[in-house]
Amino acid sequence: LSHADARARLSAQWPIHEKVARADYVI
């Protein structure tokens, strides 16, 4: 992907730090 397309895909999901904050376990 281009840099812009990759960023668009990432922005379609929650930021990873928000998911980590809600996890029971983190790998």
PDB file of all heavy atoms in Angstrom:
ATOM      1  N   LEU A   1       0.829  -1.201   0.000  1.00  0.00           N
ATOM      2  CA  LEU A   1       0.000   0.000   0.000  1.00  0.00           C
ATOM      3  C   LEU A   1       0.869   1.258   0.000  1.00  0.00           C
ATOM      4  O   LEU A   1       2.010   1.245   0.435  1.00  0.00           O
ATOM      5  CB  LEU A   1      -0.889   0.017   1.244  1.00  0.00           C
ATOM      6  CG  LEU A   1      -1.890  -1.133   1.410  1.00  0.00           C
ATOM      7  CD1 LEU A   1      -2.587  -1.019   2.754  1.00  0.00           C
ATOM      8  CD2 LEU A   1      -2.908  -1.136   0.281  1.00  0.00           C
ATOM      9  N   SER A   2       0.280   2.328  -0.468  1.00  0.00           N
ATOM     10  CA  SER A   2       0.939   3.617  -0.321  1.00  0.00           C
ATOM     11  C   SER A   2       0.866   4.028   1.146  1.00  0.00           C
ATOM     12  O   SER A   2       0.070   3.486   1.918  1.00  0.00           O
ATOM     13  CB  SER A   2       0.242   4.679  -1.177  1.00  0.00           C
ATOM     14  OG  SER A   2      -1.054   4.961  -0.655  1.00  0.00           O
ATOM     15  N   HIS A   3       1.668   5.006   1.509  1.00  0.00           N
ATOM     16  CA  HIS A   3       1.660   5.501   2.884  1.00  0.00           C
ATOM     17  C   HIS A   3       0.269   6.009   3.256  1.00  0.00           C
ATOM     18  O   HIS A   3      -0.247   5.724   4.350  1.00  0.00           O
ATOM     19  CB  HIS A   3       2.699   6.611   3.034  1.00  0.00           C
ATOM     20  CG  HIS A   3       3.099   6.897   4.436  1.00  0.00           C
ATOM     21  ND1 HIS A   3       2.404   7.767   5.244  1.00  0.00           N
ATOM     22  CD2 HIS A   3       4.121   6.411   5.203  1.00  0.00           C
ATOM     23  CE1 HIS A   3       2.967   7.818   6.433  1.00  0.00           C
ATOM     24  NE2 HIS A   3       4.019   6.998   6.441  1.00  0.00           N
ATOM     25  N   ALA A   4      -0.371   6.723   2.334  1.00  0.00           N
ATOM     26  CA  ALA A   4      -1.701   7.292   2.596  1.00  0.00           C
ATOM     27  C   ALA A   4      -2.751   6.195   2.755  1.00  0.00           C
ATOM     28  O   ALA A   4      -3.601   6.257   3.654  1.00  0.00           O
ATOM     29  CB  ALA A   4      -2.093   8.245   1.470  1.00  0.00           C
ATOM     30  N   ASP A   5      -2.708   5.184   1.870  1.00  0.00           N
ATOM     31  CA  ASP A   5      -3.686   4.094   1.957  1.00  0.00           C
ATOM     32  C   ASP A   5      -3.494   3.287   3.240  1.00  0.00           C
ATOM     33  O   ASP A   5      -4.464   2.861   3.876  1.00  0.00           O
ATOM     34  CB  ASP A   5      -3.571   3.170   0.748  1.00  0.00           C
ATOM     35  CG  ASP A   5      -4.155   3.787  -0.510  1.00  0.00           C
ATOM     36  OD1 ASP A   5      -4.906   4.780  -0.391  1.00  0.00           O
ATOM     37  OD2 ASP A   5      -3.855   3.288  -1.615  1.00  0.00           O
ATOM     38  N   ALA A   6      -2.239   3.078   3.620  1.00  0.00           N
ATOM     39  CA  ALA A   6      -1.974   2.338   4.858  1.00  0.00           C
ATOM     40  C   ALA A   6      -2.507   3.096   6.062  1.00  0.00           C
ATOM     41  O   ALA A   6      -3.127   2.509   6.966  1.00  0.00           O
ATOM     42  CB  ALA A   6      -0.474   2.082   4.999  1.00  0.00           C
ATOM     43  N   ARG A   7      -2.290   4.397   6.081  1.00  0.00           N
ATOM     44  CA  ARG A   7      -2.809   5.209   7.187  1.00  0.00           C
ATOM     45  C   ARG A   7      -4.340   5.193   7.223  1.00  0.00           C
ATOM     46  O   ARG A   7      -4.953   5.182   8.299  1.00  0.00           O
ATOM     47  CB  ARG A   7      -2.304   6.647   7.084  1.00  0.00           C
ATOM     48  CG  ARG A   7      -0.844   6.801   7.495  1.00  0.00           C
ATOM     49  CD  ARG A   7      -0.530   8.225   7.903  1.00  0.00           C
ATOM     50  NE  ARG A   7       0.796   8.336   8.479  1.00  0.00           N
ATOM     51  CZ  ARG A   7       1.088   8.054   9.730  1.00  0.00           C
ATOM     52  NH1 ARG A   7       0.143   7.619  10.550  1.00  0.00           N
ATOM     53  NH2 ARG A   7       2.310   8.190  10.184  1.00  0.00           N
ATOM     54  N   ALA A   8      -4.976   5.184   6.053  1.00  0.00           N
ATOM     55  CA  ALA A   8      -6.435   5.132   5.999  1.00  0.00           C
ATOM     56  C   ALA A   8      -6.948   3.838   6.612  1.00  0.00           C
ATOM     57  O   ALA A   8      -7.947   3.829   7.345  1.00  0.00           O
ATOM     58  CB  ALA A   8      -6.914   5.270   4.561  1.00  0.00           C
ATOM     59  N   ARG A   9      -6.261   2.746   6.347  1.00  0.00           N
ATOM     60  CA  ARG A   9      -6.681   1.461   6.921  1.00  0.00           C
ATOM     61  C   ARG A   9      -6.478   1.442   8.434  1.00  0.00           C
ATOM     62  O   ARG A   9      -7.315   0.914   9.171  1.00  0.00           O
ATOM     63  CB  ARG A   9      -5.924   0.317   6.264  1.00  0.00           C
ATOM     64  CG  ARG A   9      -6.218   0.219   4.785  1.00  0.00           C
ATOM     65  CD  ARG A   9      -6.191  -1.166   4.257  1.00  0.00           C
ATOM     66  NE  ARG A   9      -6.579  -1.185   2.858  1.00  0.00           N
ATOM     67  CZ  ARG A   9      -6.650  -2.279   2.130  1.00  0.00           C
ATOM     68  NH1 ARG A   9      -6.351  -3.449   2.677  1.00  0.00           N
ATOM     69  NH2 ARG A   9      -7.024  -2.227   0.871  1.00  0.00           N
ATOM     70  N   LEU A  10      -5.383   2.008   8.877  1.00  0.00           N
ATOM     71  CA  LEU A  10      -5.143   2.064  10.324  1.00  0.00           C
ATOM     72  C   LEU A  10      -6.184   2.935  11.018  1.00  0.00           C
ATOM     73  O   LEU A  10      -6.651   2.612  12.116  1.00  0.00           O
ATOM     74  CB  LEU A  10      -3.738   2.600  10.605  1.00  0.00           C
ATOM     75  CG  LEU A  10      -2.570   1.665  10.249  1.00  0.00           C
ATOM     76  CD1 LEU A  10      -1.244   2.365  10.500  1.00  0.00           C
ATOM     77  CD2 LEU A  10      -2.640   0.379  11.052  1.00  0.00           C
ATOM     78  N   SER A  11      -6.573   4.022  10.366  1.00  0.00           N
ATOM     79  CA  SER A  11      -7.529   4.940  10.993  1.00  0.00           C
ATOM     80  C   SER A  11      -8.932   4.356  11.047  1.00  0.00           C
ATOM     81  O   SER A  11      -9.794   4.862  11.773  1.00  0.00           O
ATOM     82  CB  SER A  11      -7.554   6.284  10.261  1.00  0.00           C
ATOM     83  OG  SER A  11      -8.098   6.139   8.962  1.00  0.00           O
ATOM     84  N   ALA A  12      -9.171   3.279  10.286  1.00  0.00           N
ATOM     85  CA  ALA A  12     -10.482   2.625  10.306  1.00  0.00           C
ATOM     86  C   ALA A  12     -10.655   1.748  11.555  1.00  0.00           C
ATOM     87  O   ALA A  12     -11.744   1.259  11.809  1.00  0.00           O
ATOM     88  CB  ALA A  12     -10.670   1.777   9.052  1.00  0.00           C
ATOM     89  N   GLN A  13      -9.568   1.542  12.305  1.00  0.00           N
ATOM     90  CA  GLN A  13      -9.619   0.737  13.517  1.00  0.00           C
ATOM     91  C   GLN A  13      -9.283   1.608  14.724  1.00  0.00           C
ATOM     92  O   GLN A  13      -8.719   2.686  14.596  1.00  0.00           O
ATOM     93  CB  GLN A  13      -8.610  -0.419  13.435  1.00  0.00           C
ATOM     94  CG  GLN A  13      -8.856  -1.380  12.292  1.00  0.00           C
ATOM     95  CD  GLN A  13      -7.881  -2.534  12.313  1.00  0.00           C
ATOM     96  OE1 GLN A  13      -6.955  -2.592  13.112  1.00  0.00           O
ATOM     97  NE2 GLN A  13      -8.083  -3.475  11.412  1.00  0.00           N
ATOM     98  N   TRP A  14      -9.621   1.093  15.891  1.00  0.00           N
ATOM     99  CA  TRP A  14      -9.214   1.783  17.114  1.00  0.00           C
ATOM    100  C   TRP A  14      -7.694   1.836  17.193  1.00  0.00           C
ATOM    101  O   TRP A  14      -7.012   0.884  16.778  1.00  0.00           O
ATOM    102  CB  TRP A  14      -9.715   1.017  18.324  1.00  0.00           C
ATOM    103  CG  TRP A  14     -11.160   1.176  18.643  1.00  0.00           C
ATOM    104  CD1 TRP A  14     -12.152   1.642  17.844  1.00  0.00           C
ATOM    105  CD2 TRP A  14     -11.778   0.835  19.898  1.00  0.00           C
ATOM    106  NE1 TRP A  14     -13.351   1.615  18.503  1.00  0.00           N
ATOM    107  CE2 TRP A  14     -13.151   1.128  19.766  1.00  0.00           C
ATOM    108  CE3 TRP A  14     -11.300   0.319  21.099  1.00  0.00           C
ATOM    109  CZ2 TRP A  14     -14.050   0.906  20.805  1.00  0.00           C
ATOM    110  CZ3 TRP A  14     -12.197   0.102  22.125  1.00  0.00           C
ATOM    111  CH2 TRP A  14     -13.549   0.401  21.982  1.00  0.00           C
ATOM    112  N   PRO A  15      -7.116   2.898  17.771  1.00  0.00           N
ATOM    113  CA  PRO A  15      -5.668   2.928  18.021  1.00  0.00           C
ATOM    114  C   PRO A  15      -5.274   1.750  18.911  1.00  0.00           C
ATOM    115  O   PRO A  15      -6.030   1.359  19.806  1.00  0.00           O
ATOM    116  CB  PRO A  15      -5.461   4.264  18.741  1.00  0.00           C
ATOM    117  CG  PRO A  15      -6.646   5.091  18.361  1.00  0.00           C
ATOM    118  CD  PRO A  15      -7.785   4.130  18.194  1.00  0.00           C
ATOM    119  N   ILE A  16      -4.110   1.205  18.668  1.00  0.00           N
ATOM    120  CA  ILE A  16      -3.710  -0.011  19.378  1.00  0.00           C
ATOM    121  C   ILE A  16      -3.618   0.214  20.887  1.00  0.00           C
ATOM    122  O   ILE A  16      -3.915  -0.686  21.681  1.00  0.00           O
ATOM    123  CB  ILE A  16      -2.383  -0.568  18.797  1.00  0.00           C
ATOM    124  CG1 ILE A  16      -2.164  -2.002  19.254  1.00  0.00           C
ATOM    125  CG2 ILE A  16      -1.217   0.314  19.136  1.00  0.00           C
ATOM    126  CD1 ILE A  16      -3.217  -2.974  18.760  1.00  0.00           C
ATOM    127  N   HIS A  17      -3.257   1.425  21.312  1.00  0.00           N
ATOM    128  CA  HIS A  17      -3.129   1.659  22.753  1.00  0.00           C
ATOM    129  C   HIS A  17      -4.484   1.554  23.453  1.00  0.00           C
ATOM    130  O   HIS A  17      -4.551   1.174  24.631  1.00  0.00           O
ATOM    131  CB  HIS A  17      -2.464   3.019  23.033  1.00  0.00           C
ATOM    132  CG  HIS A  17      -3.291   4.200  22.639  1.00  0.00           C
ATOM    133  ND1 HIS A  17      -4.236   4.766  23.477  1.00  0.00           N
ATOM    134  CD2 HIS A  17      -3.316   4.923  21.501  1.00  0.00           C
ATOM    135  CE1 HIS A  17      -4.804   5.784  22.863  1.00  0.00           C
ATOM    136  NE2 HIS A  17      -4.270   5.911  21.666  1.00  0.00           N
ATOM    137  N   GLU A  18      -5.576   1.872  22.735  1.00  0.00           N
ATOM    138  CA  GLU A  18      -6.905   1.742  23.328  1.00  0.00           C
ATOM    139  C   GLU A  18      -7.277   0.270  23.502  1.00  0.00           C
ATOM    140  O   GLU A  18      -7.930  -0.111  24.486  1.00  0.00           O
ATOM    141  CB  GLU A  18      -7.948   2.458  22.469  1.00  0.00           C
ATOM    142  CG  GLU A  18      -7.810   3.972  22.492  1.00  0.00           C
ATOM    143  CD  GLU A  18      -8.993   4.664  21.824  1.00  0.00           C
ATOM    144  OE1 GLU A  18     -10.076   4.045  21.738  1.00  0.00           O
ATOM    145  OE2 GLU A  18      -8.816   5.820  21.390  1.00  0.00           O
ATOM    146  N   LYS A  19      -6.865  -0.551  22.571  1.00  0.00           N
ATOM    147  CA  LYS A  19      -7.146  -1.987  22.684  1.00  0.00           C
ATOM    148  C   LYS A  19      -6.317  -2.606  23.816  1.00  0.00           C
ATOM    149  O   LYS A  19      -6.819  -3.442  24.579  1.00  0.00           O
ATOM    150  CB  LYS A  19      -6.858  -2.684  21.352  1.00  0.00           C
ATOM    151  CG  LYS A  19      -7.748  -2.184  20.226  1.00  0.00           C
ATOM    152  CD  LYS A  19      -7.567  -2.984  18.953  1.00  0.00           C
ATOM    153  CE  LYS A  19      -8.515  -2.481  17.868  1.00  0.00           C
ATOM    154  NZ  LYS A  19      -8.553  -3.310  16.672  1.00  0.00           N
ATOM    155  N   VAL A  20      -5.067  -2.183  23.920  1.00  0.00           N
ATOM    156  CA  VAL A  20      -4.208  -2.675  24.998  1.00  0.00           C
ATOM    157  C   VAL A  20      -4.820  -2.337  26.356  1.00  0.00           C
ATOM    158  O   VAL A  20      -4.821  -3.159  27.286  1.00  0.00           O
ATOM    159  CB  VAL A  20      -2.786  -2.082  24.875  1.00  0.00           C
ATOM    160  CG1 VAL A  20      -1.977  -2.313  26.142  1.00  0.00           C
ATOM    161  CG2 VAL A  20      -2.066  -2.686  23.663  1.00  0.00           C
ATOM    162  N   ALA A  21      -5.368  -1.142  26.474  1.00  0.00           N
ATOM    163  CA  ALA A  21      -5.950  -0.709  27.753  1.00  0.00           C
ATOM    164  C   ALA A  21      -7.140  -1.561  28.161  1.00  0.00           C
ATOM    165  O   ALA A  21      -7.442  -1.688  29.350  1.00  0.00           O
ATOM    166  CB  ALA A  21      -6.375   0.761  27.660  1.00  0.00           C
ATOM    167  N   ARG A  22      -7.812  -2.179  27.187  1.00  0.00           N
ATOM    168  CA  ARG A  22      -8.998  -2.985  27.477  1.00  0.00           C
ATOM    169  C   ARG A  22      -8.716  -4.484  27.497  1.00  0.00           C
ATOM    170  O   ARG A  22      -9.624  -5.292  27.705  1.00  0.00           O
ATOM    171  CB  ARG A  22     -10.092  -2.684  26.450  1.00  0.00           C
ATOM    172  CG  ARG A  22     -10.699  -1.297  26.599  1.00  0.00           C
ATOM    173  CD  ARG A  22     -11.474  -0.899  25.359  1.00  0.00           C
ATOM    174  NE  ARG A  22     -12.216   0.349  25.546  1.00  0.00           N
ATOM    175  CZ  ARG A  22     -11.679   1.545  25.512  1.00  0.00           C
ATOM    176  NH1 ARG A  22     -10.382   1.689  25.307  1.00  0.00           N
ATOM    177  NH2 ARG A  22     -12.426   2.629  25.686  1.00  0.00           N
ATOM    178  N   ALA A  23      -7.482  -4.876  27.266  1.00  0.00           N
ATOM    179  CA  ALA A  23      -7.130  -6.296  27.161  1.00  0.00           C
ATOM    180  C   ALA A  23      -7.021  -6.958  28.535  1.00  0.00           C
ATOM    181  O   ALA A  23      -6.683  -6.313  29.522  1.00  0.00           O
ATOM    182  CB  ALA A  23      -5.806  -6.444  26.422  1.00  0.00           C
ATOM    183  N   ASP A  24      -7.305  -8.258  28.550  1.00  0.00           N
ATOM    184  CA  ASP A  24      -6.997  -9.069  29.729  1.00  0.00           C
ATOM    185  C   ASP A  24      -5.543  -9.524  29.688  1.00  0.00           C
ATOM    186  O   ASP A  24      -4.897  -9.669  30.728  1.00  0.00           O
ATOM    187  CB  ASP A  24      -7.919 -10.294  29.779  1.00  0.00           C
ATOM    188  CG  ASP A  24      -9.379  -9.910  29.922  1.00  0.00           C
ATOM    189  OD1 ASP A  24      -9.700  -9.170  30.880  1.00  0.00           O
ATOM    190  OD2 ASP A  24     -10.193 -10.322  29.075  1.00  0.00           O
ATOM    191  N   TYR A  25      -5.042  -9.758  28.474  1.00  0.00           N
ATOM    192  CA  TYR A  25      -3.653 -10.184  28.258  1.00  0.00           C
ATOM    193  C   TYR A  25      -3.125  -9.463  27.027  1.00  0.00           C
ATOM    194  O   TYR A  25      -3.875  -9.230  26.069  1.00  0.00           O
ATOM    195  CB  TYR A  25      -3.571 -11.705  28.019  1.00  0.00           C
ATOM    196  CG  TYR A  25      -4.203 -12.529  29.107  1.00  0.00           C
ATOM    197  CD1 TYR A  25      -5.551 -12.894  29.038  1.00  0.00           C
ATOM    198  CD2 TYR A  25      -3.471 -12.949  30.220  1.00  0.00           C
ATOM    199  CE1 TYR A  25      -6.144 -13.646  30.036  1.00  0.00           C
ATOM    200  CE2 TYR A  25      -4.059 -13.708  31.222  1.00  0.00           C
ATOM    201  CZ  TYR A  25      -5.395 -14.050  31.118  1.00  0.00           C
ATOM    202  OH  TYR A  25      -5.981 -14.791  32.108  1.00  0.00           O
ATOM    203  N   VAL A  26      -1.840  -9.118  27.042  1.00  0.00           N
ATOM    204  CA  VAL A  26      -1.214  -8.425  25.913  1.00  0.00           C
ATOM    205  C   VAL A  26       0.006  -9.207  25.453  1.00  0.00           C
ATOM    206  O   VAL A  26       0.838  -9.612  26.270  1.00  0.00           O
ATOM    207  CB  VAL A  26      -0.795  -6.987  26.284  1.00  0.00           C
ATOM    208  CG1 VAL A  26      -0.092  -6.310  25.107  1.00  0.00           C
ATOM    209  CG2 VAL A  26      -2.007  -6.167  26.713  1.00  0.00           C
ATOM    210  N   ILE A  27       0.093  -9.430  24.146  1.00  0.00           N
ATOM    211  CA  ILE A  27       1.258 -10.077  23.539  1.00  0.00           C
ATOM    212  C   ILE A  27       1.973  -9.023  22.703  1.00  0.00           C
ATOM    213  O   ILE A  27       1.435  -8.542  21.697  1.00  0.00           O
ATOM    214  CB  ILE A  27       0.832 -11.265  22.650  1.00  0.00           C
ATOM    215  CG1 ILE A  27       0.200 -12.368  23.511  1.00  0.00           C
ATOM    216  CG2 ILE A  27       2.021 -11.810  21.859  1.00  0.00           C
ATOM    217  CD1 ILE A  27      -0.417 -13.499  22.703  1.00  0.00           C
TER     218      ILE A  27
END
